[in-house]
Structure formats: C-alpha cells, structure tokens
C-alpha atoms as a PDB file:
ATOM      1  CA  MET A   1     -28.731   9.496  79.907  1.00  0.00           C
ATOM      2  CA  LYS A   2     -30.663   6.207  79.886  1.00  0.00           C
ATOM      3  CA  ASP A   3     -27.834   3.941  78.748  1.00  0.00           C
ATOM      4  CA  ILE A   4     -24.370   5.431  79.162  1.00  0.00           C
ATOM      5  CA  LYS A   5     -22.618   2.202  78.083  1.00  0.00           C
ATOM      6  CA  ARG A   6     -24.477   2.230  74.764  1.00  0.00           C
ATOM      7  CA  PHE A   7     -23.595   5.880  74.229  1.00  0.00           C
ATOM      8  CA  GLU A   8     -19.939   5.261  75.039  1.00  0.00           C
ATOM      9  CA  LYS A   9     -19.791   2.483  72.419  1.00  0.00           C
ATOM     10  CA  GLN A  10     -21.294   4.820  69.849  1.00  0.00           C
ATOM     11  CA  MET A  11     -18.773   7.514  70.760  1.00  0.00           C
ATOM     12  CA  ALA A  12     -15.881   5.049  70.474  1.00  0.00           C
ATOM     13  CA  PHE A  13     -17.032   4.153  66.956  1.00  0.00           C
ATOM     14  CA  ILE A  14     -17.458   7.812  66.008  1.00  0.00           C
ATOM     15  CA  ARG A  15     -13.931   8.611  67.171  1.00  0.00           C
ATOM     16  CA  GLU A  16     -12.470   5.581  65.412  1.00  0.00           C
ATOM     17  CA  ILE A  17     -14.017   6.306  62.020  1.00  0.00           C
ATOM     18  CA  ASP A  18     -12.459   9.771  62.010  1.00  0.00           C
ATOM     19  CA  LYS A  19      -9.359   7.870  60.862  1.00  0.00           C
ATOM     20  CA  GLU A  20     -11.082   7.449  57.480  1.00  0.00           C
ATOM     21  CA  LYS A  21      -9.903  10.987  56.743  1.00  0.00           C
ATOM     22  CA  LEU A  22      -6.312   9.688  56.880  1.00  0.00           C
ATOM     23  CA  ILE A  23      -6.794   6.983  54.232  1.00  0.00           C
ATOM     24  CA  LYS A  24      -5.413   8.406  51.005  1.00  0.00           C
ATOM     25  CA  ARG A  25      -6.654   7.233  47.638  1.00  0.00           C
ATOM     26  CA  GLN A  26      -4.797   7.394  44.315  1.00  0.00           C
ATOM     27  CA  ASN A  27      -7.173   9.900  42.698  1.00  0.00           C
ATOM     28  CA  TYR A  28      -6.589  13.643  42.862  1.00  0.00           C
ATOM     29  CA  ILE A  29      -9.316  16.130  43.691  1.00  0.00           C
ATOM     30  CA  THR A  30     -10.044  18.927  41.257  1.00  0.00           C
ATOM     31  CA  ASP A  31      -7.155  21.147  42.371  1.00  0.00           C
ATOM     32  CA  CYS A  32      -5.003  18.535  40.556  1.00  0.00           C
ATOM     33  CA  GLU A  33      -2.554  18.484  43.493  1.00  0.00           C
ATOM     34  CA  THR A  34      -4.328  17.001  46.539  1.00  0.00           C
ATOM     35  CA  ARG A  35      -4.979  13.297  46.732  1.00  0.00           C
ATOM     36  CA  GLU A  36      -8.509  12.365  47.712  1.00  0.00           C
ATOM     37  CA  ASN A  37      -9.109  10.588  51.020  1.00  0.00           C
ATOM     38  CA  ASP A  38     -11.769   8.009  51.836  1.00  0.00           C
ATOM     39  CA  ALA A  39     -14.002  10.509  53.619  1.00  0.00           C
ATOM     40  CA  ASP A  40     -13.887  12.831  50.576  1.00  0.00           C
ATOM     41  CA  HIS A  41     -14.869   9.892  48.387  1.00  0.00           C
ATOM     42  CA  ALA A  42     -17.818   8.878  50.598  1.00  0.00           C
ATOM     43  CA  TRP A  43     -19.131  12.441  50.905  1.00  0.00           C
ATOM     44  CA  HIS A  44     -18.929  13.005  47.164  1.00  0.00           C
ATOM     45  CA  MET A  45     -20.782   9.766  46.354  1.00  0.00           C
ATOM     46  CA  ALA A  46     -23.491  10.510  48.924  1.00  0.00           C
ATOM     47  CA  ILE A  47     -24.250  13.859  47.273  1.00  0.00           C
ATOM     48  CA  MET A  48     -24.082  12.235  43.838  1.00  0.00           C
ATOM     49  CA  THR A  49     -26.632   9.621  44.911  1.00  0.00           C
ATOM     50  CA  LEU A  50     -28.965  12.325  46.206  1.00  0.00           C
ATOM     51  CA  LEU A  51     -28.765  14.062  42.819  1.00  0.00           C
ATOM     52  CA  LEU A  52     -28.499  11.134  40.391  1.00  0.00           C
ATOM     53  CA  SER A  53     -30.767   8.449  41.867  1.00  0.00           C
ATOM     54  CA  GLU A  54     -33.359   9.261  39.189  1.00  0.00           C
ATOM     55  CA  TYR A  55     -31.061   7.517  36.694  1.00  0.00           C
ATOM     56  CA  SER A  56     -31.103   4.208  38.545  1.00  0.00           C
ATOM     57  CA  ASN A  57     -32.349   1.313  36.422  1.00  0.00           C
ATOM     58  CA  THR A  58     -35.019   0.663  39.063  1.00  0.00           C
ATOM     59  CA  ASP A  59     -36.478   2.568  41.986  1.00  0.00           C
ATOM     60  CA  ILE A  60     -34.163   2.574  44.998  1.00  0.00           C
ATOM     61  CA  ASP A  61     -34.352   3.520  48.651  1.00  0.00           C
ATOM     62  CA  VAL A  62     -32.132   6.608  48.474  1.00  0.00           C
ATOM     63  CA  LEU A  63     -31.468   6.858  52.225  1.00  0.00           C
ATOM     64  CA  LYS A  64     -30.450   3.199  52.361  1.00  0.00           C
ATOM     65  CA  THR A  65     -28.163   3.651  49.351  1.00  0.00           C
ATOM     66  CA  ILE A  66     -26.527   6.736  50.859  1.00  0.00           C
ATOM     67  CA  SER A  67     -26.088   4.884  54.160  1.00  0.00           C
ATOM     68  CA  MET A  68     -24.403   2.027  52.312  1.00  0.00           C
ATOM     69  CA  ILE A  69     -22.112   4.453  50.517  1.00  0.00           C
ATOM     70  CA  LEU A  70     -21.142   6.236  53.731  1.00  0.00           C
ATOM     71  CA  ILE A  71     -20.175   3.066  55.578  1.00  0.00           C
ATOM     72  CA  HIS A  72     -18.743   0.769  52.899  1.00  0.00           C
ATOM     73  CA  ASP A  73     -15.162   2.102  52.986  1.00  0.00           C
ATOM     74  CA  LEU A  74     -14.956   2.554  56.761  1.00  0.00           C
ATOM     75  CA  VAL A  75     -13.274  -0.853  56.969  1.00  0.00           C
ATOM     76  CA  GLU A  76     -10.240   0.705  55.286  1.00  0.00           C
ATOM     77  CA  VAL A  77      -9.442   2.320  58.658  1.00  0.00           C
ATOM     78  CA  TYR A  78      -7.993  -1.125  59.446  1.00  0.00           C
ATOM     79  CA  ALA A  79      -7.648  -2.771  56.029  1.00  0.00           C
ATOM     80  CA  GLY A  80      -6.154   0.165  54.113  1.00  0.00           C
ATOM     81  CA  ASP A  81      -7.160   1.272  50.624  1.00  0.00           C
ATOM     82  CA  THR A  82      -6.671  -1.182  47.781  1.00  0.00           C
ATOM     83  CA  TYR A  83      -6.095   0.660  44.503  1.00  0.00           C
ATOM     84  CA  ALA A  84      -8.524  -0.353  41.778  1.00  0.00           C
ATOM     85  CA  TYR A  85      -5.689  -1.613  39.546  1.00  0.00           C
ATOM     86  CA  ASP A  86      -3.529  -3.240  42.239  1.00  0.00           C
ATOM     87  CA  GLU A  87      -3.921  -6.886  41.237  1.00  0.00           C
ATOM     88  CA  GLU A  88      -1.621  -8.169  43.986  1.00  0.00           C
ATOM     89  CA  GLY A  89      -3.430  -6.207  46.681  1.00  0.00           C
ATOM     90  CA  LYS A  90      -6.814  -7.423  45.471  1.00  0.00           C
ATOM     91  CA  LYS A  91      -5.823 -11.037  46.203  1.00  0.00           C
ATOM     92  CA  SER A  92      -6.096 -10.413  49.957  1.00  0.00           C
ATOM     93  CA  GLN A  93      -8.605  -7.559  49.877  1.00  0.00           C
ATOM     94  CA  ALA A  94     -11.762  -9.538  50.661  1.00  0.00           C
ATOM     95  CA  GLU A  95     -10.214 -11.289  53.644  1.00  0.00           C
ATOM     96  CA  ARG A  96      -8.600  -8.136  55.027  1.00  0.00           C
ATOM     97  CA  GLU A  97     -11.796  -6.134  54.708  1.00  0.00           C
ATOM     98  CA  ALA A  98     -14.041  -8.825  56.216  1.00  0.00           C
ATOM     99  CA  GLN A  99     -11.766  -9.012  59.260  1.00  0.00           C
ATOM    100  CA  ALA A 100     -11.786  -5.233  59.494  1.00  0.00           C
ATOM    101  CA  ALA A 101     -15.599  -5.181  59.300  1.00  0.00           C
ATOM    102  CA  ASP A 102     -15.811  -7.624  62.212  1.00  0.00           C
ATOM    103  CA  LYS A 103     -13.509  -5.452  64.293  1.00  0.00           C
ATOM    104  CA  LEU A 104     -14.960  -2.050  63.380  1.00  0.00           C
ATOM    105  CA  TYR A 105     -18.684  -2.786  63.529  1.00  0.00           C
ATOM    106  CA  GLY A 106     -18.024  -4.800  66.681  1.00  0.00           C
ATOM    107  CA  LEU A 107     -17.309  -1.511  68.467  1.00  0.00           C
ATOM    108  CA  LEU A 108     -20.977  -0.514  68.224  1.00  0.00           C
ATOM    109  CA  PRO A 109     -23.953  -1.629  70.299  1.00  0.00           C
ATOM    110  CA  GLU A 110     -25.004  -5.017  68.947  1.00  0.00           C
ATOM    111  CA  ASP A 111     -28.134  -3.848  67.090  1.00  0.00           C
ATOM    112  CA  GLN A 112     -26.340  -1.018  65.289  1.00  0.00           C
ATOM    113  CA  GLY A 113     -23.263  -3.108  64.609  1.00  0.00           C
ATOM    114  CA  LYS A 114     -25.362  -5.836  62.994  1.00  0.00           C
ATOM    115  CA  TYR A 115     -27.245  -3.296  60.884  1.00  0.00           C
ATOM    116  CA  LEU A 116     -24.140  -1.551  59.538  1.00  0.00           C
ATOM    117  CA  ARG A 117     -22.433  -4.885  58.932  1.00  0.00           C
ATOM    118  CA  SER A 118     -25.506  -6.062  57.006  1.00  0.00           C
ATOM    119  CA  LEU A 119     -25.317  -2.934  54.818  1.00  0.00           C
ATOM    120  CA  TRP A 120     -21.631  -3.607  54.204  1.00  0.00           C
ATOM    121  CA  ASP A 121     -22.357  -7.230  53.287  1.00  0.00           C
ATOM    122  CA  GLU A 122     -25.197  -6.143  50.997  1.00  0.00           C
ATOM    123  CA  PHE A 123     -22.851  -3.813  49.126  1.00  0.00           C
ATOM    124  CA  GLU A 124     -20.272  -6.563  48.770  1.00  0.00           C
ATOM    125  CA  GLU A 125     -22.813  -9.117  47.514  1.00  0.00           C
ATOM    126  CA  GLN A 126     -24.173  -6.780  44.790  1.00  0.00           C
ATOM    127  CA  LYS A 127     -27.632  -8.358  44.573  1.00  0.00           C
ATOM    128  CA  THR A 128     -30.028  -5.511  45.452  1.00  0.00           C
ATOM    129  CA  PRO A 129     -30.851  -2.393  43.397  1.00  0.00           C
ATOM    130  CA  GLU A 130     -29.406  -0.222  46.174  1.00  0.00           C
ATOM    131  CA  ALA A 131     -26.113  -2.130  46.219  1.00  0.00           C
ATOM    132  CA  MET A 132     -25.843  -2.030  42.439  1.00  0.00           C
ATOM    133  CA  PHE A 133     -26.468   1.723  42.315  1.00  0.00           C
ATOM    134  CA  ALA A 134     -23.971   2.276  45.137  1.00  0.00           C
ATOM    135  CA  ARG A 135     -21.396   0.348  43.084  1.00  0.00           C
ATOM    136  CA  THR A 136     -22.222   2.494  40.062  1.00  0.00           C
ATOM    137  CA  MET A 137     -21.446   5.595  42.115  1.00  0.00           C
ATOM    138  CA  ASP A 138     -18.255   3.962  43.445  1.00  0.00           C
ATOM    139  CA  CYS A 139     -17.014   3.441  39.888  1.00  0.00           C
ATOM    140  CA  PHE A 140     -18.394   6.656  38.366  1.00  0.00           C
ATOM    141  CA  GLN A 141     -16.976   9.074  40.947  1.00  0.00           C
ATOM    142  CA  PRO A 142     -13.284   8.248  40.259  1.00  0.00           C
ATOM    143  CA  LEU A 143     -13.913   8.631  36.528  1.00  0.00           C
ATOM    144  CA  ILE A 144     -15.229  12.139  37.145  1.00  0.00           C
ATOM    145  CA  LEU A 145     -12.135  13.118  39.140  1.00  0.00           C
ATOM    146  CA  ASN A 146      -9.704  11.516  36.713  1.00  0.00           C
ATOM    147  CA  ASP A 147     -11.323  13.364  33.833  1.00  0.00           C
ATOM    148  CA  ALA A 148     -11.362  16.657  35.786  1.00  0.00           C
ATOM    149  CA  THR A 149      -7.619  16.348  36.530  1.00  0.00           C
ATOM    150  CA  ASP A 150      -6.627  15.543  32.941  1.00  0.00           C
ATOM    151  CA  GLY A 151      -6.051  11.916  33.857  1.00  0.00           C
ATOM    152  CA  ARG A 152      -3.227  12.627  36.309  1.00  0.00           C
ATOM    153  CA  ALA A 153      -3.639   9.424  38.349  1.00  0.00           C
ATOM    154  CA  TRP A 154      -4.284   7.357  35.217  1.00  0.00           C
ATOM    155  CA  LYS A 155      -1.048   8.638  33.681  1.00  0.00           C
ATOM    156  CA  GLU A 156       0.946   8.067  36.872  1.00  0.00           C
ATOM    157  CA  HIS A 157      -0.111   4.412  36.887  1.00  0.00           C
ATOM    158  CA  ASP A 158      -0.031   3.795  33.111  1.00  0.00           C
ATOM    159  CA  VAL A 159      -3.682   2.773  33.228  1.00  0.00           C
ATOM    160  CA  ARG A 160      -4.972   0.935  30.181  1.00  0.00           C
ATOM    161  CA  ARG A 161      -8.364   1.092  28.513  1.00  0.00           C
ATOM    162  CA  SER A 162      -9.008  -2.611  29.165  1.00  0.00           C
ATOM    163  CA  TRP A 163      -8.386  -2.070  32.888  1.00  0.00           C
ATOM    164  CA  VAL A 164     -10.897   0.781  33.064  1.00  0.00           C
ATOM    165  CA  LEU A 165     -13.505  -1.175  31.123  1.00  0.00           C
ATOM    166  CA  ASN A 166     -12.996  -4.210  33.333  1.00  0.00           C
ATOM    167  CA  ARG A 167     -13.282  -2.074  36.459  1.00  0.00           C
ATOM    168  CA  ASN A 168     -16.571  -0.720  35.113  1.00  0.00           C
ATOM    169  CA  ARG A 169     -17.936  -3.990  33.747  1.00  0.00           C
ATOM    170  CA  ASN A 170     -20.902  -3.883  36.162  1.00  0.00           C
ATOM    171  CA  THR A 171     -21.484  -0.129  36.260  1.00  0.00           C
ATOM    172  CA  HIS A 172     -24.445  -0.581  33.905  1.00  0.00           C
ATOM    173  CA  ALA A 173     -26.184  -2.844  36.456  1.00  0.00           C
ATOM    174  CA  GLY A 174     -27.023   0.186  38.581  1.00  0.00           C
ATOM    175  CA  SER A 175     -27.627   2.643  35.760  1.00  0.00           C
ATOM    176  CA  GLU A 176     -27.417   2.071  32.028  1.00  0.00           C
ATOM    177  CA  GLU A 177     -27.670   5.823  31.424  1.00  0.00           C
ATOM    178  CA  ILE A 178     -24.787   6.705  33.737  1.00  0.00           C
ATOM    179  CA  TRP A 179     -22.629   3.952  32.264  1.00  0.00           C
ATOM    180  CA  GLU A 180     -23.266   5.171  28.716  1.00  0.00           C
ATOM    181  CA  TYR A 181     -22.422   8.730  29.767  1.00  0.00           C
ATOM    182  CA  ALA A 182     -19.239   7.588  31.521  1.00  0.00           C
ATOM    183  CA  ARG A 183     -18.077   5.517  28.544  1.00  0.00           C
ATOM    184  CA  ASP A 184     -18.816   8.164  25.927  1.00  0.00           C
ATOM    185  CA  ASN A 185     -17.815  11.302  27.843  1.00  0.00           C
ATOM    186  CA  LEU A 186     -15.183  10.260  30.386  1.00  0.00           C
ATOM    187  CA  ILE A 187     -13.446   7.083  29.262  1.00  0.00           C
ATOM    188  CA  GLU A 188     -13.186   7.176  25.474  1.00  0.00           C
ATOM    189  CA  PRO A 189     -12.233  10.897  25.230  1.00  0.00           C
ATOM    190  CA  ASN A 190      -9.373  10.233  27.667  1.00  0.00           C
ATOM    191  CA  VAL A 191      -8.256   7.291  25.564  1.00  0.00           C
ATOM    192  CA  ARG A 192      -8.143   9.584  22.551  1.00  0.00           C
ATOM    193  CA  LYS A 193      -6.165  12.189  24.527  1.00  0.00           C
ATOM    194  CA  GLY A 194      -3.651   9.579  25.625  1.00  0.00           C
ATOM    195  CA  ASN A 195      -4.523   9.873  29.328  1.00  0.00           C
ATOM    196  CA  ILE A 196      -5.550   6.213  29.226  1.00  0.00           C
ATOM    197  CA  ILE A 197      -3.361   3.835  27.212  1.00  0.00           C
ATOM    198  CA  ASP A 198      -5.268   2.438  24.246  1.00  0.00           C
ATOM    199  CA  ASP A 199      -4.624  -1.285  24.276  1.00  0.00           C
ATOM    200  CA  SER A 200      -7.578  -2.132  22.024  1.00  0.00           C
ATOM    201  CA  ASN A 201      -5.328  -3.840  19.487  1.00  0.00           C
ATOM    202  CA  GLU A 202      -3.750  -6.052  22.155  1.00  0.00           C
ATOM    203  CA  GLN A 203      -7.024  -7.659  23.183  1.00  0.00           C
END
C-alpha cells in the first residue's frame, strides 16, 4: 500500500461513522413499530434522489446531491439528532453540528476532509440547486414515513399543521412538483384525518 497513514485515517472515519446507525430519529419506518435511524434516513433519501431527480426545478448533478445527502447527517454521531419540532434544541443545533463537523471530517486525510466538509457547508447554506434538492428530499422523506404510519410520530408529538408547513417552507425551492404533491397528498389529508392538528383558525 502506497500510503498506509492515509488509509488508516480513512478506516478510522469509516469505523466512526458506523455510529450513525445508533442515532434514532422520531419517525417510524413502515412497520409502524421501529424508529428510523440516521443511516436509514440517508439511504432512503439517496435512493429517492436517484429516482426523483427528474422533478428538480433545475438540472442537478445527481452524484453530488446523493453524496451531500449521505454525509449531511454524519455530524449527528457527535451532535445527536435534533427533532424537527424541538424549538429548544434548535437554538444550539448550528453550533453543535459545526463543532461536530470539524471533529468528524478532521479524521480524514486533509483533501477528503475538506471536500466532505465543503459538501456539508453547501447543504447548510442552501444556495445551489443540489443543496436545495437535497433539502427537498430531507423534508419529503419524513412526510412519506409519517403518512405511511398513519401519522404515529405526528400524533405522539401533537404536531400542528403550521409546524409542518413552516418546516416545509423551502421544499418548493428544490422541486415545485414534489412540494405540491407533498402538500396535497401527504400533509392536508393527514390534517383532515386528525393525524396533524389543524390550527388554521389560530393563525
């Protein structure tokens, strides 16, 4: 092997990110009993991007978008998952995750660490078509699971319509078509069923 030190750094990173499988999310997978973990979430979004990229508002680099999706939650190995509707947790989320990104991507050889960190930053900044489509997938995927499980996680957390709409306020930036589908087929039907609390009259 030409550079054993480089390889050992890559192996250390590979072993460390296996911990992503231990990070539980609030959503349930389609058996309605098992809570999704971060690795499940990333895998699901990667496949979704491969299948649904044709609905992006603009042409995107699919491999770059999938790469961004696969690495963006790795920081939760150190920072933990912040639930979408945890307002207190979100106050420190950016700082916790930035520190985690420094630590995690710092395990890699410098060139690879800088590249993955740049992908993570690009996702966070939400300025490129790839980042915007990745965010669309990040918001759309939980809607699919919540709908498929009859809103179990929504009901457990007394989730309100205004919260879901606010969470998805930029979903259209990656794909207008996917946002319209999500609103009309996943969000509003669950409001009507009572799985999401209808607070329309309180706004």
